[in-house]
């Protein structure tokens, strides 16, 4: 699977953190540092492995913890229609 930001989602960066505006439910979503890194990295289609390698190059975290966090975050963004998924 490949993931990419939904072009209809507005976002702003402030102090290395991203705030998304979800126009589907009119709510704001504040992202932490690692989630912000993923969001910025999804400017083009990426696989989970590409995302994992990016985060492992930045953060000192185990591969299994990294994958758990990535999967949780991508599932949440997918449910809220903030990213697009290509199978």
Protein backbone atom coordinates (compact mmCIF):
# COMPACT_ATOMS: atom_id res chain seq x y z
CA UNK A 1 0.00 0.00 0.00
CA UNK A 2 1.05 3.57 -0.66
CA UNK A 3 -0.07 6.59 1.33
CA UNK A 4 -0.31 10.24 0.37
CA UNK A 5 -1.78 13.40 1.91
CA UNK A 6 -5.30 14.27 0.85
CA UNK A 7 -4.93 17.47 -1.19
CA UNK A 8 -8.21 18.79 0.23
CA UNK A 9 -6.74 18.91 3.76
CA UNK A 10 -5.35 22.28 4.83
CA UNK A 11 -2.41 22.42 7.20
CA UNK A 12 -0.01 24.85 8.80
CA UNK A 13 3.41 24.39 10.38
CA UNK A 14 4.38 26.20 13.57
CA UNK A 15 7.50 25.40 15.63
CA UNK A 16 8.11 22.11 13.79
CA UNK A 17 4.60 20.84 14.49
CA UNK A 18 1.71 20.58 12.08
CA UNK A 19 -1.93 21.46 12.58
CA UNK A 20 -4.39 19.94 10.12
CA UNK A 21 -7.84 21.24 9.36
CA UNK A 22 -10.24 18.40 8.68
CA UNK A 23 -12.91 19.98 6.48
CA UNK A 24 -14.95 16.76 6.61
CA UNK A 25 -15.84 17.35 10.27
CA UNK A 26 -14.60 20.96 10.75
CA UNK A 27 -12.05 19.96 13.38
CA UNK A 28 -8.39 20.76 13.88
CA UNK A 29 -5.84 18.01 14.47
CA UNK A 30 -2.54 18.86 16.16
CA UNK A 31 0.34 16.54 15.30
CA UNK A 32 3.35 15.82 17.49
CA UNK A 33 6.91 15.86 16.14
CA UNK A 34 6.97 12.37 14.66
CA UNK A 35 3.45 12.64 13.24
CA UNK A 36 4.44 15.96 11.70
CA UNK A 37 7.45 14.29 10.08
CA UNK A 38 5.18 11.64 8.58
CA UNK A 39 2.70 14.23 7.34
CA UNK A 40 5.41 16.27 5.60
CA UNK A 41 6.93 13.09 4.14
CA UNK A 42 3.56 12.16 2.60
CA UNK A 43 3.79 15.01 0.05
CA UNK A 44 4.13 12.15 -2.43
CA UNK A 45 3.08 8.51 -2.24
CA UNK A 46 5.06 6.50 0.32
CA UNK A 47 5.05 2.95 1.60
CA UNK A 48 5.13 2.01 5.26
CA UNK A 49 8.73 0.85 4.81
CA UNK A 50 9.74 4.23 3.40
CA UNK A 51 8.07 6.00 6.31
CA UNK A 52 9.71 3.63 8.79
CA UNK A 53 13.18 4.22 7.34
CA UNK A 54 12.66 7.98 7.46
CA UNK A 55 11.63 7.93 11.12
CA UNK A 56 14.38 5.51 12.15
CA UNK A 57 16.92 7.89 10.62
CA UNK A 58 15.60 10.70 12.85
CA UNK A 59 14.50 9.07 16.12
CA UNK A 60 16.10 6.53 18.43
CA UNK A 61 13.30 3.99 18.65
CA UNK A 62 12.99 0.26 18.05
CA UNK A 63 11.75 -0.86 14.67
CA UNK A 64 8.73 -2.60 16.21
CA UNK A 65 7.70 0.48 18.22
CA UNK A 66 8.18 2.62 15.13
CA UNK A 67 5.95 0.37 13.03
CA UNK A 68 3.25 0.30 15.72
CA UNK A 69 3.18 4.08 15.84
CA UNK A 70 3.16 4.41 12.06
CA UNK A 71 0.31 1.92 11.66
CA UNK A 72 -1.74 3.60 14.40
CA UNK A 73 -1.24 7.05 12.87
CA UNK A 74 -1.92 5.98 9.28
CA UNK A 75 -5.07 4.10 10.32
CA UNK A 76 -6.33 7.17 12.14
CA UNK A 77 -5.62 9.45 9.17
CA UNK A 78 -7.25 6.97 6.79
CA UNK A 79 -10.42 6.73 8.91
CA UNK A 80 -10.66 10.51 9.01
CA UNK A 81 -10.03 10.76 5.22
CA UNK A 82 -6.94 12.92 5.78
CA UNK A 83 -4.77 10.70 3.59
CA UNK A 84 -5.34 8.66 0.46
CA UNK A 85 -4.42 4.99 0.24
CA UNK A 86 -3.45 3.25 -3.00
CA UNK A 87 -3.56 -0.56 -2.97
